[in-house]
Amino acid sequence: MVERKKDLTAKNVYGMPPPIFIALVTTFYTAMYADAIETPKRWSSPALELHMQKTRNELPKSAWKRYWQVVDLVISSLRNNQTLAAKQADELEGVVINARP
């Protein structure tokens, strides 16, 4: 995320105002930790899948779309930063793709 800092503007992040983007990223990290007691290096595809299903059921369609976009960007950024192992990133990205709005 740090190297993409310049890209995190309202215009470049799916048209979201920065406070909404930041709130969604924070919500995602917090939920993954609270639900699965997992930090990013330990995120698993079953935990992410459960979280995505739960969140999709709780949010209105427009909010779910924004949330999904943020999760997609977070997983891609963690892959690009090599925070996630390649196999783990592939599995997590598969979950994200399957949850696409």
PDB file of N, CA and C in Angstrom:
ATOM      1  N   MET A   1       0.818  -1.182   0.000  1.00  0.00           N
ATOM      2  CA  MET A   1       0.000   0.000   0.000  1.00  0.00           C
ATOM      3  C   MET A   1       0.870   1.257   0.000  1.00  0.00           C
ATOM      4  N   VAL A   2       2.001   1.203   0.684  1.00  0.00           N
ATOM      5  CA  VAL A   2       2.842   2.395   0.781  1.00  0.00           C
ATOM      6  C   VAL A   2       3.323   2.838  -0.587  1.00  0.00           C
ATOM      7  N   GLU A   3       3.762   1.893  -1.414  1.00  0.00           N
ATOM      8  CA  GLU A   3       4.270   2.282  -2.725  1.00  0.00           C
ATOM      9  C   GLU A   3       3.168   2.801  -3.641  1.00  0.00           C
ATOM     10  N   ARG A   4       1.924   2.486  -3.337  1.00  0.00           N
ATOM     11  CA  ARG A   4       0.816   2.968  -4.153  1.00  0.00           C
ATOM     12  C   ARG A   4       0.196   4.233  -3.558  1.00  0.00           C
ATOM     13  N   LYS A   5       0.849   4.796  -2.581  1.00  0.00           N
ATOM     14  CA  LYS A   5       0.327   5.959  -1.867  1.00  0.00           C
ATOM     15  C   LYS A   5      -0.100   7.074  -2.814  1.00  0.00           C
ATOM     16  N   LYS A   6       0.667   7.312  -3.850  1.00  0.00           N
ATOM     17  CA  LYS A   6       0.352   8.376  -4.801  1.00  0.00           C
ATOM     18  C   LYS A   6      -0.947   8.098  -5.557  1.00  0.00           C
ATOM     19  N   ASP A   7      -1.291   6.811  -5.680  1.00  0.00           N
ATOM     20  CA  ASP A   7      -2.495   6.429  -6.416  1.00  0.00           C
ATOM     21  C   ASP A   7      -3.765   6.521  -5.566  1.00  0.00           C
ATOM     22  N   LEU A   8      -3.605   6.704  -4.267  1.00  0.00           N
ATOM     23  CA  LEU A   8      -4.754   6.688  -3.374  1.00  0.00           C
ATOM     24  C   LEU A   8      -5.425   8.053  -3.312  1.00  0.00           C
ATOM     25  N   THR A   9      -6.008   8.422  -4.412  1.00  0.00           N
ATOM     26  CA  THR A   9      -6.756   9.669  -4.478  1.00  0.00           C
ATOM     27  C   THR A   9      -8.196   9.332  -4.805  1.00  0.00           C
ATOM     28  N   ALA A  10      -9.075  10.269  -4.550  1.00  0.00           N
ATOM     29  CA  ALA A  10     -10.491  10.039  -4.816  1.00  0.00           C
ATOM     30  C   ALA A  10     -10.719   9.658  -6.280  1.00  0.00           C
ATOM     31  N   LYS A  11      -9.944  10.245  -7.169  1.00  0.00           N
ATOM     32  CA  LYS A  11     -10.130   9.988  -8.594  1.00  0.00           C
ATOM     33  C   LYS A  11      -9.601   8.607  -8.991  1.00  0.00           C
ATOM     34  N   ASN A  12      -8.520   8.158  -8.363  1.00  0.00           N
ATOM     35  CA  ASN A  12      -7.864   6.924  -8.792  1.00  0.00           C
ATOM     36  C   ASN A  12      -8.348   5.670  -8.093  1.00  0.00           C
ATOM     37  N   VAL A  13      -9.014   5.786  -6.978  1.00  0.00           N
ATOM     38  CA  VAL A  13      -9.468   4.608  -6.253  1.00  0.00           C
ATOM     39  C   VAL A  13     -10.968   4.424  -6.478  1.00  0.00           C
ATOM     40  N   TYR A  14     -11.307   3.995  -7.683  1.00  0.00           N
ATOM     41  CA  TYR A  14     -12.687   3.691  -8.020  1.00  0.00           C
ATOM     42  C   TYR A  14     -13.638   4.843  -7.748  1.00  0.00           C
ATOM     43  N   GLY A  15     -13.150   6.054  -7.802  1.00  0.00           N
ATOM     44  CA  GLY A  15     -14.005   7.216  -7.599  1.00  0.00           C
ATOM     45  C   GLY A  15     -14.452   7.425  -6.165  1.00  0.00           C
ATOM     46  N   MET A  16     -13.811   6.748  -5.216  1.00  0.00           N
ATOM     47  CA  MET A  16     -14.203   6.878  -3.816  1.00  0.00           C
ATOM     48  C   MET A  16     -13.499   8.047  -3.153  1.00  0.00           C
ATOM     49  N   PRO A  17     -14.210   8.776  -2.317  1.00  0.00           N
ATOM     50  CA  PRO A  17     -13.534   9.786  -1.511  1.00  0.00           C
ATOM     51  C   PRO A  17     -12.532   9.080  -0.585  1.00  0.00           C
ATOM     52  N   PRO A  18     -11.362   9.665  -0.380  1.00  0.00           N
ATOM     53  CA  PRO A  18     -10.346   9.013   0.461  1.00  0.00           C
ATOM     54  C   PRO A  18     -10.847   8.561   1.834  1.00  0.00           C
ATOM     55  N   PRO A  19     -11.677   9.341   2.546  1.00  0.00           N
ATOM     56  CA  PRO A  19     -12.122   8.847   3.856  1.00  0.00           C
ATOM     57  C   PRO A  19     -12.931   7.546   3.772  1.00  0.00           C
ATOM     58  N   ILE A  20     -13.714   7.398   2.715  1.00  0.00           N
ATOM     59  CA  ILE A  20     -14.477   6.158   2.547  1.00  0.00           C
ATOM     60  C   ILE A  20     -13.528   5.007   2.245  1.00  0.00           C
ATOM     61  N   PHE A  21     -12.572   5.244   1.374  1.00  0.00           N
ATOM     62  CA  PHE A  21     -11.591   4.214   1.046  1.00  0.00           C
ATOM     63  C   PHE A  21     -10.842   3.771   2.298  1.00  0.00           C
ATOM     64  N   ILE A  22     -10.364   4.721   3.066  1.00  0.00           N
ATOM     65  CA  ILE A  22      -9.610   4.407   4.290  1.00  0.00           C
ATOM     66  C   ILE A  22     -10.491   3.647   5.277  1.00  0.00           C
ATOM     67  N   ALA A  23     -11.733   4.063   5.418  1.00  0.00           N
ATOM     68  CA  ALA A  23     -12.653   3.377   6.326  1.00  0.00           C
ATOM     69  C   ALA A  23     -12.887   1.928   5.886  1.00  0.00           C
ATOM     70  N   LEU A  24     -13.017   1.706   4.597  1.00  0.00           N
ATOM     71  CA  LEU A  24     -13.255   0.351   4.097  1.00  0.00           C
ATOM     72  C   LEU A  24     -12.025  -0.533   4.275  1.00  0.00           C
ATOM     73  N   VAL A  25     -10.847   0.002   4.020  1.00  0.00           N
ATOM     74  CA  VAL A  25      -9.610  -0.771   4.231  1.00  0.00           C
ATOM     75  C   VAL A  25      -9.486  -1.132   5.708  1.00  0.00           C
ATOM     76  N   THR A  26      -9.714  -0.171   6.569  1.00  0.00           N
ATOM     77  CA  THR A  26      -9.625  -0.403   8.013  1.00  0.00           C
ATOM     78  C   THR A  26     -10.653  -1.439   8.457  1.00  0.00           C
ATOM     79  N   THR A  27     -11.857  -1.337   7.939  1.00  0.00           N
ATOM     80  CA  THR A  27     -12.914  -2.296   8.268  1.00  0.00           C
ATOM     81  C   THR A  27     -12.517  -3.705   7.842  1.00  0.00           C
ATOM     82  N   PHE A  28     -11.950  -3.827   6.655  1.00  0.00           N
ATOM     83  CA  PHE A  28     -11.547  -5.135   6.156  1.00  0.00           C
ATOM     84  C   PHE A  28     -10.473  -5.762   7.044  1.00  0.00           C
ATOM     85  N   TYR A  29      -9.403  -5.032   7.317  1.00  0.00           N
ATOM     86  CA  TYR A  29      -8.329  -5.559   8.160  1.00  0.00           C
ATOM     87  C   TYR A  29      -8.859  -5.927   9.544  1.00  0.00           C
ATOM     88  N   THR A  30      -9.672  -5.063  10.116  1.00  0.00           N
ATOM     89  CA  THR A  30     -10.214  -5.300  11.446  1.00  0.00           C
ATOM     90  C   THR A  30     -11.108  -6.537  11.466  1.00  0.00           C
ATOM     91  N   ALA A  31     -11.947  -6.661  10.451  1.00  0.00           N
ATOM     92  CA  ALA A  31     -12.860  -7.800  10.388  1.00  0.00           C
ATOM     93  C   ALA A  31     -12.101  -9.110  10.211  1.00  0.00           C
ATOM     94  N   MET A  32     -11.095  -9.120   9.364  1.00  0.00           N
ATOM     95  CA  MET A  32     -10.324 -10.346   9.162  1.00  0.00           C
ATOM     96  C   MET A  32      -9.630 -10.755  10.459  1.00  0.00           C
ATOM     97  N   TYR A  33      -9.162  -9.784  11.190  1.00  0.00           N
ATOM     98  CA  TYR A  33      -8.521 -10.125  12.460  1.00  0.00           C
ATOM     99  C   TYR A  33      -9.564 -10.567  13.484  1.00  0.00           C
ATOM    100  N   ALA A  34     -10.655  -9.847  13.583  1.00  0.00           N
ATOM    101  CA  ALA A  34     -11.683 -10.165  14.578  1.00  0.00           C
ATOM    102  C   ALA A  34     -12.367 -11.501  14.287  1.00  0.00           C
ATOM    103  N   ASP A  35     -12.675 -11.760  13.019  1.00  0.00           N
ATOM    104  CA  ASP A  35     -13.389 -12.983  12.658  1.00  0.00           C
ATOM    105  C   ASP A  35     -12.500 -14.220  12.677  1.00  0.00           C
ATOM    106  N   ALA A  36     -11.278 -14.082  12.201  1.00  0.00           N
ATOM    107  CA  ALA A  36     -10.427 -15.259  12.020  1.00  0.00           C
ATOM    108  C   ALA A  36      -9.147 -15.210  12.855  1.00  0.00           C
ATOM    109  N   ILE A  37      -8.935 -14.130  13.580  1.00  0.00           N
ATOM    110  CA  ILE A  37      -7.701 -13.930  14.347  1.00  0.00           C
ATOM    111  C   ILE A  37      -6.494 -14.184  13.444  1.00  0.00           C
ATOM    112  N   GLU A  38      -6.539 -13.564  12.271  1.00  0.00           N
ATOM    113  CA  GLU A  38      -5.472 -13.734  11.298  1.00  0.00           C
ATOM    114  C   GLU A  38      -4.950 -12.391  10.830  1.00  0.00           C
ATOM    115  N   THR A  39      -3.635 -12.261  10.820  1.00  0.00           N
ATOM    116  CA  THR A  39      -2.985 -11.098  10.224  1.00  0.00           C
ATOM    117  C   THR A  39      -2.756 -11.413   8.749  1.00  0.00           C
ATOM    118  N   PRO A  40      -2.463 -10.409   7.915  1.00  0.00           N
ATOM    119  CA  PRO A  40      -2.350 -10.666   6.467  1.00  0.00           C
ATOM    120  C   PRO A  40      -1.468 -11.857   6.082  1.00  0.00           C
ATOM    121  N   LYS A  41      -0.344 -12.049   6.719  1.00  0.00           N
ATOM    122  CA  LYS A  41       0.533 -13.166   6.336  1.00  0.00           C
ATOM    123  C   LYS A  41      -0.099 -14.520   6.620  1.00  0.00           C
ATOM    124  N   ARG A  42      -1.139 -14.537   7.422  1.00  0.00           N
ATOM    125  CA  ARG A  42      -1.809 -15.797   7.769  1.00  0.00           C
ATOM    126  C   ARG A  42      -3.240 -15.880   7.229  1.00  0.00           C
ATOM    127  N   TRP A  43      -3.670 -14.888   6.445  1.00  0.00           N
ATOM    128  CA  TRP A  43      -5.009 -14.954   5.892  1.00  0.00           C
ATOM    129  C   TRP A  43      -5.142 -16.232   5.072  1.00  0.00           C
ATOM    130  N   SER A  44      -6.247 -16.902   5.255  1.00  0.00           N
ATOM    131  CA  SER A  44      -6.495 -18.129   4.494  1.00  0.00           C
ATOM    132  C   SER A  44      -7.701 -17.925   3.594  1.00  0.00           C
ATOM    133  N   SER A  45      -7.751 -18.704   2.545  1.00  0.00           N
ATOM    134  CA  SER A  45      -8.875 -18.573   1.624  1.00  0.00           C
ATOM    135  C   SER A  45     -10.202 -18.948   2.292  1.00  0.00           C
ATOM    136  N   PRO A  46     -10.268 -19.995   3.160  1.00  0.00           N
ATOM    137  CA  PRO A  46     -11.559 -20.263   3.814  1.00  0.00           C
ATOM    138  C   PRO A  46     -12.018 -19.105   4.710  1.00  0.00           C
ATOM    139  N   ALA A  47     -11.088 -18.484   5.427  1.00  0.00           N
ATOM    140  CA  ALA A  47     -11.456 -17.353   6.289  1.00  0.00           C
ATOM    141  C   ALA A  47     -11.927 -16.168   5.453  1.00  0.00           C
ATOM    142  N   LEU A  48     -11.234 -15.897   4.353  1.00  0.00           N
ATOM    143  CA  LEU A  48     -11.635 -14.787   3.488  1.00  0.00           C
ATOM    144  C   LEU A  48     -12.982 -15.081   2.837  1.00  0.00           C
ATOM    145  N   GLU A  49     -13.171 -16.303   2.406  1.00  0.00           N
ATOM    146  CA  GLU A  49     -14.443 -16.662   1.773  1.00  0.00           C
ATOM    147  C   GLU A  49     -15.606 -16.484   2.746  1.00  0.00           C
ATOM    148  N   LEU A  50     -15.440 -16.928   3.969  1.00  0.00           N
ATOM    149  CA  LEU A  50     -16.477 -16.767   4.987  1.00  0.00           C
ATOM    150  C   LEU A  50     -16.752 -15.283   5.243  1.00  0.00           C
ATOM    151  N   HIS A  51     -15.694 -14.508   5.347  1.00  0.00           N
ATOM    152  CA  HIS A  51     -15.839 -13.067   5.574  1.00  0.00           C
ATOM    153  C   HIS A  51     -16.572 -12.399   4.408  1.00  0.00           C
ATOM    154  N   MET A  52     -16.194 -12.743   3.188  1.00  0.00           N
ATOM    155  CA  MET A  52     -16.811 -12.126   2.022  1.00  0.00           C
ATOM    156  C   MET A  52     -18.295 -12.492   1.935  1.00  0.00           C
ATOM    157  N   GLN A  53     -18.650 -13.735   2.202  1.00  0.00           N
ATOM    158  CA  GLN A  53     -20.059 -14.147   2.172  1.00  0.00           C
ATOM    159  C   GLN A  53     -20.861 -13.388   3.225  1.00  0.00           C
ATOM    160  N   LYS A  54     -20.317 -13.322   4.416  1.00  0.00           N
ATOM    161  CA  LYS A  54     -20.990 -12.627   5.514  1.00  0.00           C
ATOM    162  C   LYS A  54     -21.197 -11.148   5.175  1.00  0.00           C
ATOM    163  N   THR A  55     -20.139 -10.523   4.679  1.00  0.00           N
ATOM    164  CA  THR A  55     -20.199  -9.097   4.368  1.00  0.00           C
ATOM    165  C   THR A  55     -21.157  -8.828   3.215  1.00  0.00           C
ATOM    166  N   ARG A  56     -21.121  -9.668   2.199  1.00  0.00           N
ATOM    167  CA  ARG A  56     -22.022  -9.497   1.052  1.00  0.00           C
ATOM    168  C   ARG A  56     -23.484  -9.538   1.500  1.00  0.00           C
ATOM    169  N   ASN A  57     -23.800 -10.413   2.434  1.00  0.00           N
ATOM    170  CA  ASN A  57     -25.173 -10.532   2.939  1.00  0.00           C
ATOM    171  C   ASN A  57     -25.587  -9.347   3.799  1.00  0.00           C
ATOM    172  N   GLU A  58     -24.614  -8.680   4.410  1.00  0.00           N
ATOM    173  CA  GLU A  58     -24.915  -7.574   5.325  1.00  0.00           C
ATOM    174  C   GLU A  58     -24.993  -6.214   4.644  1.00  0.00           C
ATOM    175  N   LEU A  59     -24.330  -6.055   3.517  1.00  0.00           N
ATOM    176  CA  LEU A  59     -24.257  -4.744   2.876  1.00  0.00           C
ATOM    177  C   LEU A  59     -25.249  -4.587   1.733  1.00  0.00           C
ATOM    178  N   PRO A  60     -25.730  -3.358   1.521  1.00  0.00           N
ATOM    179  CA  PRO A  60     -26.513  -3.093   0.307  1.00  0.00           C
ATOM    180  C   PRO A  60     -25.617  -3.280  -0.917  1.00  0.00           C
ATOM    181  N   LYS A  61     -26.218  -3.501  -2.069  1.00  0.00           N
ATOM    182  CA  LYS A  61     -25.457  -3.777  -3.300  1.00  0.00           C
ATOM    183  C   LYS A  61     -24.367  -2.742  -3.599  1.00  0.00           C
ATOM    184  N   SER A  62     -24.702  -1.461  -3.505  1.00  0.00           N
ATOM    185  CA  SER A  62     -23.725  -0.421  -3.841  1.00  0.00           C
ATOM    186  C   SER A  62     -22.555  -0.417  -2.852  1.00  0.00           C
ATOM    187  N   ALA A  63     -22.835  -0.648  -1.595  1.00  0.00           N
ATOM    188  CA  ALA A  63     -21.773  -0.699  -0.588  1.00  0.00           C
ATOM    189  C   ALA A  63     -20.925  -1.954  -0.778  1.00  0.00           C
ATOM    190  N   TRP A  64     -21.577  -3.069  -1.115  1.00  0.00           N
ATOM    191  CA  TRP A  64     -20.833  -4.303  -1.361  1.00  0.00           C
ATOM    192  C   TRP A  64     -19.862  -4.114  -2.515  1.00  0.00           C
ATOM    193  N   LYS A  65     -20.274  -3.443  -3.577  1.00  0.00           N
ATOM    194  CA  LYS A  65     -19.395  -3.219  -4.733  1.00  0.00           C
ATOM    195  C   LYS A  65     -18.146  -2.443  -4.312  1.00  0.00           C
ATOM    196  N   ARG A  66     -18.335  -1.393  -3.546  1.00  0.00           N
ATOM    197  CA  ARG A  66     -17.183  -0.618  -3.073  1.00  0.00           C
ATOM    198  C   ARG A  66     -16.284  -1.459  -2.176  1.00  0.00           C
ATOM    199  N   TYR A  67     -16.898  -2.204  -1.268  1.00  0.00           N
ATOM    200  CA  TYR A  67     -16.119  -3.024  -0.347  1.00  0.00           C
ATOM    201  C   TYR A  67     -15.310  -4.056  -1.127  1.00  0.00           C
ATOM    202  N   TRP A  68     -15.956  -4.705  -2.096  1.00  0.00           N
ATOM    203  CA  TRP A  68     -15.262  -5.705  -2.915  1.00  0.00           C
ATOM    204  C   TRP A  68     -14.066  -5.075  -3.631  1.00  0.00           C
ATOM    205  N   GLN A  69     -14.256  -3.876  -4.177  1.00  0.00           N
ATOM    206  CA  GLN A  69     -13.166  -3.199  -4.883  1.00  0.00           C
ATOM    207  C   GLN A  69     -11.980  -2.954  -3.956  1.00  0.00           C
ATOM    208  N   VAL A  70     -12.266  -2.560  -2.733  1.00  0.00           N
ATOM    209  CA  VAL A  70     -11.199  -2.308  -1.766  1.00  0.00           C
ATOM    210  C   VAL A  70     -10.481  -3.603  -1.413  1.00  0.00           C
ATOM    211  N   VAL A  71     -11.224  -4.670  -1.161  1.00  0.00           N
ATOM    212  CA  VAL A  71     -10.593  -5.954  -0.839  1.00  0.00           C
ATOM    213  C   VAL A  71      -9.733  -6.417  -2.007  1.00  0.00           C
ATOM    214  N   ASP A  72     -10.227  -6.278  -3.210  1.00  0.00           N
ATOM    215  CA  ASP A  72      -9.459  -6.642  -4.405  1.00  0.00           C
ATOM    216  C   ASP A  72      -8.144  -5.863  -4.468  1.00  0.00           C
ATOM    217  N   LEU A  73      -8.215  -4.565  -4.211  1.00  0.00           N
ATOM    218  CA  LEU A  73      -7.008  -3.734  -4.232  1.00  0.00           C
ATOM    219  C   LEU A  73      -6.051  -4.115  -3.108  1.00  0.00           C
ATOM    220  N   VAL A  74      -6.565  -4.396  -1.926  1.00  0.00           N
ATOM    221  CA  VAL A  74      -5.713  -4.784  -0.796  1.00  0.00           C
ATOM    222  C   VAL A  74      -4.966  -6.072  -1.112  1.00  0.00           C
ATOM    223  N   ILE A  75      -5.676  -7.081  -1.583  1.00  0.00           N
ATOM    224  CA  ILE A  75      -5.030  -8.367  -1.891  1.00  0.00           C
ATOM    225  C   ILE A  75      -3.987  -8.184  -2.994  1.00  0.00           C
ATOM    226  N   SER A  76      -4.321  -7.429  -4.028  1.00  0.00           N
ATOM    227  CA  SER A  76      -3.350  -7.171  -5.111  1.00  0.00           C
ATOM    228  C   SER A  76      -2.127  -6.435  -4.596  1.00  0.00           C
ATOM    229  N   SER A  77      -2.336  -5.459  -3.740  1.00  0.00           N
ATOM    230  CA  SER A  77      -1.214  -4.692  -3.190  1.00  0.00           C
ATOM    231  C   SER A  77      -0.322  -5.563  -2.315  1.00  0.00           C
ATOM    232  N   LEU A  78      -0.939  -6.407  -1.495  1.00  0.00           N
ATOM    233  CA  LEU A  78      -0.143  -7.304  -0.649  1.00  0.00           C
ATOM    234  C   LEU A  78       0.636  -8.303  -1.484  1.00  0.00           C
ATOM    235  N   ARG A  79       0.064  -8.721  -2.605  1.00  0.00           N
ATOM    236  CA  ARG A  79       0.790  -9.609  -3.527  1.00  0.00           C
ATOM    237  C   ARG A  79       1.975  -8.861  -4.131  1.00  0.00           C
ATOM    238  N   ASN A  80       1.709  -7.669  -4.628  1.00  0.00           N
ATOM    239  CA  ASN A  80       2.760  -6.893  -5.282  1.00  0.00           C
ATOM    240  C   ASN A  80       3.894  -6.536  -4.327  1.00  0.00           C
ATOM    241  N   ASN A  81       3.568  -6.323  -3.066  1.00  0.00           N
ATOM    242  CA  ASN A  81       4.588  -6.005  -2.055  1.00  0.00           C
ATOM    243  C   ASN A  81       5.272  -7.253  -1.527  1.00  0.00           C
ATOM    244  N   GLN A  82       4.832  -8.415  -1.977  1.00  0.00           N
ATOM    245  CA  GLN A  82       5.327  -9.711  -1.536  1.00  0.00           C
ATOM    246  C   GLN A  82       5.122  -9.940  -0.041  1.00  0.00           C
ATOM    247  N   THR A  83       4.069  -9.327   0.486  1.00  0.00           N
ATOM    248  CA  THR A  83       3.674  -9.582   1.870  1.00  0.00           C
ATOM    249  C   THR A  83       3.051 -10.962   1.947  1.00  0.00           C
ATOM    250  N   LEU A  84       2.355 -11.349   0.889  1.00  0.00           N
ATOM    251  CA  LEU A  84       1.735 -12.664   0.802  1.00  0.00           C
ATOM    252  C   LEU A  84       2.594 -13.583  -0.051  1.00  0.00           C
ATOM    253  N   ALA A  85       2.666 -14.835   0.332  1.00  0.00           N
ATOM    254  CA  ALA A  85       3.335 -15.828  -0.504  1.00  0.00           C
ATOM    255  C   ALA A  85       2.520 -15.980  -1.790  1.00  0.00           C
ATOM    256  N   ALA A  86       3.179 -16.364  -2.864  1.00  0.00           N
ATOM    257  CA  ALA A  86       2.507 -16.460  -4.169  1.00  0.00           C
ATOM    258  C   ALA A  86       1.305 -17.398  -4.128  1.00  0.00           C
ATOM    259  N   LYS A  87       1.448 -18.569  -3.527  1.00  0.00           N
ATOM    260  CA  LYS A  87       0.344 -19.527  -3.457  1.00  0.00           C
ATOM    261  C   LYS A  87      -0.811 -18.952  -2.642  1.00  0.00           C
ATOM    262  N   GLN A  88      -0.496 -18.336  -1.530  1.00  0.00           N
ATOM    263  CA  GLN A  88      -1.520 -17.724  -0.684  1.00  0.00           C
ATOM    264  C   GLN A  88      -2.246 -16.620  -1.461  1.00  0.00           C
ATOM    265  N   ALA A  89      -1.484 -15.776  -2.135  1.00  0.00           N
ATOM    266  CA  ALA A  89      -2.075 -14.681  -2.912  1.00  0.00           C
ATOM    267  C   ALA A  89      -2.993 -15.230  -4.006  1.00  0.00           C
ATOM    268  N   ASP A  90      -2.561 -16.288  -4.692  1.00  0.00           N
ATOM    269  CA  ASP A  90      -3.395 -16.908  -5.729  1.00  0.00           C
ATOM    270  C   ASP A  90      -4.719 -17.391  -5.150  1.00  0.00           C
ATOM    271  N   GLU A  91      -4.652 -18.049  -3.999  1.00  0.00           N
ATOM    272  CA  GLU A  91      -5.866 -18.567  -3.368  1.00  0.00           C
ATOM    273  C   GLU A  91      -6.798 -17.437  -2.938  1.00  0.00           C
ATOM    274  N   LEU A  92      -6.226 -16.384  -2.336  1.00  0.00           N
ATOM    275  CA  LEU A  92      -7.028 -15.266  -1.890  1.00  0.00           C
ATOM    276  C   LEU A  92      -7.646 -14.524  -3.080  1.00  0.00           C
ATOM    277  N   GLU A  93      -6.873 -14.331  -4.128  1.00  0.00           N
ATOM    278  CA  GLU A  93      -7.402 -13.679  -5.312  1.00  0.00           C
ATOM    279  C   GLU A  93      -8.536 -14.487  -5.945  1.00  0.00           C
ATOM    280  N   GLY A  94      -8.428 -15.816  -5.872  1.00  0.00           N
ATOM    281  CA  GLY A  94      -9.509 -16.674  -6.367  1.00  0.00           C
ATOM    282  C   GLY A  94     -10.802 -16.440  -5.601  1.00  0.00           C
ATOM    283  N   VAL A  95     -10.683 -16.289  -4.293  1.00  0.00           N
ATOM    284  CA  VAL A  95     -11.861 -16.007  -3.457  1.00  0.00           C
ATOM    285  C   VAL A  95     -12.469 -14.662  -3.847  1.00  0.00           C
ATOM    286  N   VAL A  96     -11.599 -13.670  -4.027  1.00  0.00           N
ATOM    287  CA  VAL A  96     -12.074 -12.330  -4.384  1.00  0.00           C
ATOM    288  C   VAL A  96     -12.777 -12.353  -5.737  1.00  0.00           C
ATOM    289  N   ILE A  97     -12.185 -13.033  -6.697  1.00  0.00           N
ATOM    290  CA  ILE A  97     -12.799 -13.119  -8.031  1.00  0.00           C
ATOM    291  C   ILE A  97     -14.162 -13.801  -7.953  1.00  0.00           C
ATOM    292  N   ASN A  98     -14.255 -14.869  -7.177  1.00  0.00           N
ATOM    293  CA  ASN A  98     -15.532 -15.586  -7.048  1.00  0.00           C
ATOM    294  C   ASN A  98     -16.600 -14.766  -6.332  1.00  0.00           C
ATOM    295  N   ALA A  99     -16.184 -13.776  -5.552  1.00  0.00           N
ATOM    296  CA  ALA A  99     -17.132 -12.932  -4.815  1.00  0.00           C
ATOM    297  C   ALA A  99     -17.510 -11.679  -5.589  1.00  0.00           C
ATOM    298  N   ARG A 100     -16.981 -11.547  -6.787  1.00  0.00           N
ATOM    299  CA  ARG A 100     -17.224 -10.324  -7.594  1.00  0.00           C
ATOM    300  C   ARG A 100     -18.703  -9.980  -7.657  1.00  0.00           C
ATOM    301  N   PRO A 101     -18.994  -8.682  -7.441  1.00  0.00           N
ATOM    302  CA  PRO A 101     -20.405  -8.251  -7.491  1.00  0.00           C
ATOM    303  C   PRO A 101     -20.987  -8.375  -8.891  1.00  0.00           C
TER     304      PRO A 101
END
